[in-house]
PDB file of all heavy atoms in Angstrom:
ATOM      1  N   ARG A   1       0.729  -1.236   0.039  1.00  0.00           N
ATOM      2  CA  ARG A   1       0.065   0.041  -0.021  1.00  0.00           C
ATOM      3  C   ARG A   1       0.884   1.275  -0.008  1.00  0.00           C
ATOM      4  O   ARG A   1       0.535   2.261  -0.682  1.00  0.00           O
ATOM      5  CB  ARG A   1      -0.999   0.042   1.238  1.00  0.00           C
ATOM      6  CG  ARG A   1      -2.172  -0.932   1.006  1.00  0.00           C
ATOM      7  CD  ARG A   1      -3.184  -0.822   1.928  1.00  0.00           C
ATOM      8  NE  ARG A   1      -2.977  -1.200   3.261  1.00  0.00           N
ATOM      9  CZ  ARG A   1      -3.075  -2.434   3.772  1.00  0.00           C
ATOM     10  NH1 ARG A   1      -3.553  -3.381   2.905  1.00  0.00           N
ATOM     11  NH2 ARG A   1      -2.754  -2.798   4.976  1.00  0.00           N
ATOM     12  N   LYS A   2       1.954   1.182   0.684  1.00  0.00           N
ATOM     13  CA  LYS A   2       2.919   2.432   0.691  1.00  0.00           C
ATOM     14  C   LYS A   2       3.369   2.632  -0.724  1.00  0.00           C
ATOM     15  O   LYS A   2       3.462   3.729  -1.274  1.00  0.00           O
ATOM     16  CB  LYS A   2       4.120   2.126   1.652  1.00  0.00           C
ATOM     17  CG  LYS A   2       3.707   2.235   3.046  1.00  0.00           C
ATOM     18  CD  LYS A   2       4.984   2.099   3.823  1.00  0.00           C
ATOM     19  CE  LYS A   2       4.631   2.023   5.315  1.00  0.00           C
ATOM     20  NZ  LYS A   2       5.855   1.787   6.185  1.00  0.00           N
ATOM     21  N   GLY A   3       3.747   1.528  -1.421  1.00  0.00           N
ATOM     22  CA  GLY A   3       4.195   1.630  -2.851  1.00  0.00           C
ATOM     23  C   GLY A   3       3.116   2.234  -3.704  1.00  0.00           C
ATOM     24  O   GLY A   3       3.319   3.082  -4.709  1.00  0.00           O
ATOM     25  N   HIS A   4       1.897   1.723  -3.463  1.00  0.00           N
ATOM     26  CA  HIS A   4       0.784   2.245  -4.272  1.00  0.00           C
ATOM     27  C   HIS A   4       0.627   3.851  -4.026  1.00  0.00           C
ATOM     28  O   HIS A   4       0.254   4.557  -5.023  1.00  0.00           O
ATOM     29  CB  HIS A   4      -0.560   1.485  -3.908  1.00  0.00           C
ATOM     30  CG  HIS A   4      -1.724   1.995  -4.709  1.00  0.00           C
ATOM     31  ND1 HIS A   4      -1.948   1.695  -6.000  1.00  0.00           N
ATOM     32  CD2 HIS A   4      -2.563   2.913  -4.238  1.00  0.00           C
ATOM     33  CE1 HIS A   4      -3.081   2.375  -6.361  1.00  0.00           C
ATOM     34  NE2 HIS A   4      -3.555   3.114  -5.363  1.00  0.00           N
ATOM     35  N   ALA A   5       0.775   4.208  -2.824  1.00  0.00           N
ATOM     36  CA  ALA A   5       0.528   5.661  -2.569  1.00  0.00           C
ATOM     37  C   ALA A   5       1.571   6.451  -3.198  1.00  0.00           C
ATOM     38  O   ALA A   5       1.263   7.447  -3.793  1.00  0.00           O
ATOM     39  CB  ALA A   5       0.723   5.778  -0.932  1.00  0.00           C
ATOM     40  N   ARG A   6       2.840   5.892  -3.349  1.00  0.00           N
ATOM     41  CA  ARG A   6       3.831   6.737  -4.030  1.00  0.00           C
ATOM     42  C   ARG A   6       3.538   6.731  -5.564  1.00  0.00           C
ATOM     43  O   ARG A   6       3.716   7.763  -6.274  1.00  0.00           O
ATOM     44  CB  ARG A   6       5.175   6.117  -3.737  1.00  0.00           C
ATOM     45  CG  ARG A   6       5.713   6.378  -2.349  1.00  0.00           C
ATOM     46  CD  ARG A   6       7.192   5.895  -2.217  1.00  0.00           C
ATOM     47  NE  ARG A   6       7.285   4.420  -2.412  1.00  0.00           N
ATOM     48  CZ  ARG A   6       7.173   3.553  -1.390  1.00  0.00           C
ATOM     49  NH1 ARG A   6       6.945   3.948  -0.098  1.00  0.00           N
ATOM     50  NH2 ARG A   6       7.322   2.217  -1.584  1.00  0.00           N
ATOM     51  N   GLU A   7       2.982   5.610  -6.162  1.00  0.00           N
ATOM     52  CA  GLU A   7       2.797   5.428  -7.514  1.00  0.00           C
ATOM     53  C   GLU A   7       1.575   6.346  -7.857  1.00  0.00           C
ATOM     54  O   GLU A   7       1.578   7.054  -8.920  1.00  0.00           O
ATOM     55  CB  GLU A   7       2.446   4.057  -7.869  1.00  0.00           C
ATOM     56  CG  GLU A   7       2.179   3.889  -9.306  1.00  0.00           C
ATOM     57  CD  GLU A   7       3.335   4.289 -10.310  1.00  0.00           C
ATOM     58  OE1 GLU A   7       4.405   4.242  -9.944  1.00  0.00           O
ATOM     59  OE2 GLU A   7       3.060   4.865 -11.358  1.00  0.00           O
ATOM     60  N   ARG A   8       0.501   6.426  -6.958  1.00  0.00           N
ATOM     61  CA  ARG A   8      -0.631   7.321  -7.111  1.00  0.00           C
ATOM     62  C   ARG A   8      -0.174   8.790  -7.226  1.00  0.00           C
ATOM     63  O   ARG A   8      -0.663   9.505  -8.021  1.00  0.00           O
ATOM     64  CB  ARG A   8      -1.621   7.022  -6.023  1.00  0.00           C
ATOM     65  CG  ARG A   8      -2.907   7.650  -6.161  1.00  0.00           C
ATOM     66  CD  ARG A   8      -3.817   7.128  -5.076  1.00  0.00           C
ATOM     67  NE  ARG A   8      -3.637   7.855  -3.783  1.00  0.00           N
ATOM     68  CZ  ARG A   8      -4.526   8.179  -2.993  1.00  0.00           C
ATOM     69  NH1 ARG A   8      -5.845   7.853  -3.294  1.00  0.00           N
ATOM     70  NH2 ARG A   8      -4.385   8.834  -1.940  1.00  0.00           N
ATOM     71  N   LEU A   9       0.648   9.087  -6.280  1.00  0.00           N
ATOM     72  CA  LEU A   9       1.202  10.545  -6.168  1.00  0.00           C
ATOM     73  C   LEU A   9       1.913  10.871  -7.614  1.00  0.00           C
ATOM     74  O   LEU A   9       1.665  11.932  -8.161  1.00  0.00           O
ATOM     75  CB  LEU A   9       2.007  10.799  -5.044  1.00  0.00           C
ATOM     76  CG  LEU A   9       2.620  12.246  -4.915  1.00  0.00           C
ATOM     77  CD1 LEU A   9       1.414  13.265  -4.879  1.00  0.00           C
ATOM     78  CD2 LEU A   9       3.377  12.293  -3.644  1.00  0.00           C
ATOM     79  N   ARG A  10       2.728   9.882  -8.048  1.00  0.00           N
ATOM     80  CA  ARG A  10       3.506  10.237  -9.263  1.00  0.00           C
ATOM     81  C   ARG A  10       2.525  10.244 -10.495  1.00  0.00           C
ATOM     82  O   ARG A  10       2.654  11.249 -11.312  1.00  0.00           O
ATOM     83  CB  ARG A  10       4.490   9.058  -9.560  1.00  0.00           C
ATOM     84  CG  ARG A  10       5.772   9.127  -8.915  1.00  0.00           C
ATOM     85  CD  ARG A  10       6.785   8.129  -9.428  1.00  0.00           C
ATOM     86  NE  ARG A  10       6.464   6.829  -9.098  1.00  0.00           N
ATOM     87  CZ  ARG A  10       6.805   6.240  -8.025  1.00  0.00           C
ATOM     88  NH1 ARG A  10       7.419   6.740  -7.112  1.00  0.00           N
ATOM     89  NH2 ARG A  10       6.349   4.906  -7.806  1.00  0.00           N
ATOM     90  N   ALA A  11       1.500   9.533 -10.478  1.00  0.00           N
ATOM     91  CA  ALA A  11       0.469   9.564 -11.554  1.00  0.00           C
ATOM     92  C   ALA A  11      -0.301  10.815 -11.636  1.00  0.00           C
ATOM     93  O   ALA A  11      -0.428  11.408 -12.634  1.00  0.00           O
ATOM     94  CB  ALA A  11      -0.495   8.306 -11.450  1.00  0.00           C
ATOM     95  N   VAL A  12      -0.725  11.255 -10.417  1.00  0.00           N
ATOM     96  CA  VAL A  12      -1.501  12.516 -10.439  1.00  0.00           C
ATOM     97  C   VAL A  12      -0.702  13.726 -10.797  1.00  0.00           C
ATOM     98  O   VAL A  12      -1.028  14.651 -11.431  1.00  0.00           O
ATOM     99  CB  VAL A  12      -2.300  12.709  -9.126  1.00  0.00           C
ATOM    100  CG1 VAL A  12      -1.463  13.043  -7.893  1.00  0.00           C
ATOM    101  CG2 VAL A  12      -3.358  13.680  -9.286  1.00  0.00           C
ATOM    102  N   ARG A  13       0.611  13.674 -10.378  1.00  0.00           N
ATOM    103  CA  ARG A  13       1.483  14.727 -10.621  1.00  0.00           C
ATOM    104  C   ARG A  13       1.836  14.788 -12.221  1.00  0.00           C
ATOM    105  O   ARG A  13       2.292  15.903 -12.647  1.00  0.00           O
ATOM    106  CB  ARG A  13       2.886  14.671  -9.867  1.00  0.00           C
ATOM    107  CG  ARG A  13       2.587  15.128  -8.440  1.00  0.00           C
ATOM    108  CD  ARG A  13       3.897  15.120  -7.700  1.00  0.00           C
ATOM    109  NE  ARG A  13       3.779  15.624  -6.398  1.00  0.00           N
ATOM    110  CZ  ARG A  13       4.631  15.370  -5.368  1.00  0.00           C
ATOM    111  NH1 ARG A  13       5.672  14.654  -5.555  1.00  0.00           N
ATOM    112  NH2 ARG A  13       4.466  16.021  -4.223  1.00  0.00           N
ATOM    113  N   SER A  14       1.631  13.765 -12.884  1.00  0.00           N
ATOM    114  CA  SER A  14       1.863  13.754 -14.299  1.00  0.00           C
ATOM    115  C   SER A  14       0.761  14.428 -15.113  1.00  0.00           C
ATOM    116  O   SER A  14       0.840  14.684 -16.318  1.00  0.00           O
ATOM    117  CB  SER A  14       1.935  12.319 -14.828  1.00  0.00           C
ATOM    118  OG  SER A  14       0.706  11.685 -15.007  1.00  0.00           O
ATOM    119  N   ILE A  15      -0.213  14.886 -14.525  1.00  0.00           N
ATOM    120  CA  ILE A  15      -1.433  15.494 -15.024  1.00  0.00           C
ATOM    121  C   ILE A  15      -1.139  17.085 -14.988  1.00  0.00           C
ATOM    122  O   ILE A  15      -0.791  17.578 -13.911  1.00  0.00           O
ATOM    123  CB  ILE A  15      -2.791  15.241 -14.346  1.00  0.00           C
ATOM    124  CG1 ILE A  15      -2.978  13.705 -14.262  1.00  0.00           C
ATOM    125  CG2 ILE A  15      -3.904  16.014 -14.844  1.00  0.00           C
ATOM    126  CD1 ILE A  15      -3.225  13.055 -15.652  1.00  0.00           C
ATOM    127  N   GLY A  16      -1.401  17.772 -16.095  1.00  0.00           N
ATOM    128  CA  GLY A  16      -1.290  19.170 -16.170  1.00  0.00           C
ATOM    129  C   GLY A  16      -2.658  19.805 -15.680  1.00  0.00           C
ATOM    130  O   GLY A  16      -3.636  19.837 -16.391  1.00  0.00           O
ATOM    131  N   ARG A  17      -2.608  20.259 -14.554  1.00  0.00           N
ATOM    132  CA  ARG A  17      -3.803  20.800 -13.861  1.00  0.00           C
ATOM    133  C   ARG A  17      -4.473  21.834 -14.736  1.00  0.00           C
ATOM    134  O   ARG A  17      -5.696  21.930 -14.881  1.00  0.00           O
ATOM    135  CB  ARG A  17      -3.506  21.318 -12.490  1.00  0.00           C
ATOM    136  CG  ARG A  17      -4.640  21.919 -11.693  1.00  0.00           C
ATOM    137  CD  ARG A  17      -4.291  22.570 -10.419  1.00  0.00           C
ATOM    138  NE  ARG A  17      -5.399  23.015  -9.682  1.00  0.00           N
ATOM    139  CZ  ARG A  17      -6.048  24.163  -9.896  1.00  0.00           C
ATOM    140  NH1 ARG A  17      -5.671  24.919 -10.808  1.00  0.00           N
ATOM    141  NH2 ARG A  17      -7.182  24.459  -9.104  1.00  0.00           N
ATOM    142  N   ALA A  18      -3.602  22.704 -15.276  1.00  0.00           N
ATOM    143  CA  ALA A  18      -4.138  23.747 -16.131  1.00  0.00           C
ATOM    144  C   ALA A  18      -4.946  23.287 -17.382  1.00  0.00           C
ATOM    145  O   ALA A  18      -5.764  23.983 -17.942  1.00  0.00           O
ATOM    146  CB  ALA A  18      -3.020  24.722 -16.599  1.00  0.00           C
ATOM    147  N   ARG A  19      -4.724  22.071 -17.789  1.00  0.00           N
ATOM    148  CA  ARG A  19      -5.449  21.508 -18.961  1.00  0.00           C
ATOM    149  C   ARG A  19      -6.758  20.812 -18.511  1.00  0.00           C
ATOM    150  O   ARG A  19      -7.424  20.333 -19.405  1.00  0.00           O
ATOM    151  CB  ARG A  19      -4.455  20.491 -19.638  1.00  0.00           C
ATOM    152  CG  ARG A  19      -3.211  20.986 -20.127  1.00  0.00           C
ATOM    153  CD  ARG A  19      -2.559  19.923 -21.017  1.00  0.00           C
ATOM    154  NE  ARG A  19      -1.258  20.475 -21.329  1.00  0.00           N
ATOM    155  CZ  ARG A  19      -0.086  20.219 -20.895  1.00  0.00           C
ATOM    156  NH1 ARG A  19      -0.035  19.337 -19.835  1.00  0.00           N
ATOM    157  NH2 ARG A  19       1.019  20.732 -21.327  1.00  0.00           N
ATOM    158  N   LEU A  20      -7.107  20.928 -17.285  1.00  0.00           N
ATOM    159  CA  LEU A  20      -8.450  20.325 -16.835  1.00  0.00           C
ATOM    160  C   LEU A  20      -9.465  21.390 -16.812  1.00  0.00           C
ATOM    161  O   LEU A  20      -9.243  22.626 -16.683  1.00  0.00           O
ATOM    162  CB  LEU A  20      -8.189  19.709 -15.442  1.00  0.00           C
ATOM    163  CG  LEU A  20      -7.103  18.659 -15.319  1.00  0.00           C
ATOM    164  CD1 LEU A  20      -6.973  18.239 -13.846  1.00  0.00           C
ATOM    165  CD2 LEU A  20      -7.446  17.436 -16.189  1.00  0.00           C
ATOM    166  N   GLY A  21     -10.768  20.948 -16.773  1.00  0.00           N
ATOM    167  CA  GLY A  21     -11.943  21.840 -16.556  1.00  0.00           C
ATOM    168  C   GLY A  21     -12.025  22.205 -15.199  1.00  0.00           C
ATOM    169  O   GLY A  21     -11.373  21.674 -14.257  1.00  0.00           O
ATOM    170  N   VAL A  22     -12.909  23.106 -14.891  1.00  0.00           N
ATOM    171  CA  VAL A  22     -13.032  23.751 -13.586  1.00  0.00           C
ATOM    172  C   VAL A  22     -13.316  22.585 -12.595  1.00  0.00           C
ATOM    173  O   VAL A  22     -12.696  22.454 -11.532  1.00  0.00           O
ATOM    174  CB  VAL A  22     -14.120  24.834 -13.559  1.00  0.00           C
ATOM    175  CG1 VAL A  22     -14.406  25.220 -12.143  1.00  0.00           C
ATOM    176  CG2 VAL A  22     -13.767  25.982 -14.416  1.00  0.00           C
ATOM    177  N   ALA A  23     -14.344  21.730 -12.850  1.00  0.00           N
ATOM    178  CA  ALA A  23     -14.634  20.691 -11.925  1.00  0.00           C
ATOM    179  C   ALA A  23     -13.507  19.709 -11.690  1.00  0.00           C
ATOM    180  O   ALA A  23     -13.322  19.302 -10.562  1.00  0.00           O
ATOM    181  CB  ALA A  23     -15.933  20.010 -12.304  1.00  0.00           C
ATOM    182  N   ASP A  24     -12.882  19.348 -12.703  1.00  0.00           N
ATOM    183  CA  ASP A  24     -11.691  18.400 -12.717  1.00  0.00           C
ATOM    184  C   ASP A  24     -10.642  19.050 -11.835  1.00  0.00           C
ATOM    185  O   ASP A  24      -9.772  18.322 -11.213  1.00  0.00           O
ATOM    186  CB  ASP A  24     -11.291  17.952 -14.014  1.00  0.00           C
ATOM    187  CG  ASP A  24     -12.159  16.890 -14.617  1.00  0.00           C
ATOM    188  OD1 ASP A  24     -12.917  16.096 -13.833  1.00  0.00           O
ATOM    189  OD2 ASP A  24     -12.039  16.648 -15.831  1.00  0.00           O
ATOM    190  N   ARG A  25     -10.411  20.325 -11.968  1.00  0.00           N
ATOM    191  CA  ARG A  25      -9.321  21.021 -11.154  1.00  0.00           C
ATOM    192  C   ARG A  25      -9.625  20.863  -9.666  1.00  0.00           C
ATOM    193  O   ARG A  25      -8.596  20.520  -8.953  1.00  0.00           O
ATOM    194  CB  ARG A  25      -9.270  22.495 -11.455  1.00  0.00           C
ATOM    195  CG  ARG A  25      -8.658  22.743 -12.868  1.00  0.00           C
ATOM    196  CD  ARG A  25      -8.526  24.138 -13.102  1.00  0.00           C
ATOM    197  NE  ARG A  25      -8.257  24.392 -14.614  1.00  0.00           N
ATOM    198  CZ  ARG A  25      -8.353  25.508 -15.276  1.00  0.00           C
ATOM    199  NH1 ARG A  25      -8.771  26.554 -14.580  1.00  0.00           N
ATOM    200  NH2 ARG A  25      -8.078  25.506 -16.523  1.00  0.00           N
ATOM    201  N   LEU A  26     -10.781  20.951  -9.276  1.00  0.00           N
ATOM    202  CA  LEU A  26     -11.073  20.823  -7.893  1.00  0.00           C
ATOM    203  C   LEU A  26     -10.856  19.387  -7.509  1.00  0.00           C
ATOM    204  O   LEU A  26     -10.253  19.076  -6.413  1.00  0.00           O
ATOM    205  CB  LEU A  26     -12.629  21.219  -7.608  1.00  0.00           C
ATOM    206  CG  LEU A  26     -13.125  20.965  -6.147  1.00  0.00           C
ATOM    207  CD1 LEU A  26     -12.252  21.720  -5.166  1.00  0.00           C
ATOM    208  CD2 LEU A  26     -14.642  21.307  -5.996  1.00  0.00           C
ATOM    209  N   ASN A  27     -11.366  18.453  -8.244  1.00  0.00           N
ATOM    210  CA  ASN A  27     -11.106  17.027  -7.957  1.00  0.00           C
ATOM    211  C   ASN A  27      -9.628  16.752  -7.950  1.00  0.00           C
ATOM    212  O   ASN A  27      -9.134  15.940  -7.207  1.00  0.00           O
ATOM    213  CB  ASN A  27     -11.867  16.108  -9.014  1.00  0.00           C
ATOM    214  CG  ASN A  27     -13.276  16.185  -8.857  1.00  0.00           C
ATOM    215  OD1 ASN A  27     -13.775  16.314  -7.708  1.00  0.00           O
ATOM    216  ND2 ASN A  27     -14.131  16.018  -9.951  1.00  0.00           N
ATOM    217  N   TYR A  28      -8.926  17.263  -8.915  1.00  0.00           N
ATOM    218  CA  TYR A  28      -7.447  17.170  -8.885  1.00  0.00           C
ATOM    219  C   TYR A  28      -6.779  17.731  -7.622  1.00  0.00           C
ATOM    220  O   TYR A  28      -5.994  16.921  -7.019  1.00  0.00           O
ATOM    221  CB  TYR A  28      -6.779  17.932 -10.138  1.00  0.00           C
ATOM    222  CG  TYR A  28      -5.360  17.954 -10.222  1.00  0.00           C
ATOM    223  CD1 TYR A  28      -4.644  16.926 -10.804  1.00  0.00           C
ATOM    224  CD2 TYR A  28      -4.565  18.884  -9.386  1.00  0.00           C
ATOM    225  CE1 TYR A  28      -3.252  16.930 -10.986  1.00  0.00           C
ATOM    226  CE2 TYR A  28      -3.157  18.936  -9.545  1.00  0.00           C
ATOM    227  CZ  TYR A  28      -2.529  17.966 -10.260  1.00  0.00           C
ATOM    228  OH  TYR A  28      -1.179  17.918 -10.300  1.00  0.00           O
TER     229      TYR A  28
END
């Protein structure tokens, strides 16, 4: 689970927040 947490963080950081819509930015 610790490994998954690190991988999950890397994955979400690979997303360009500015490229998301308003609702997705909040979810991001």
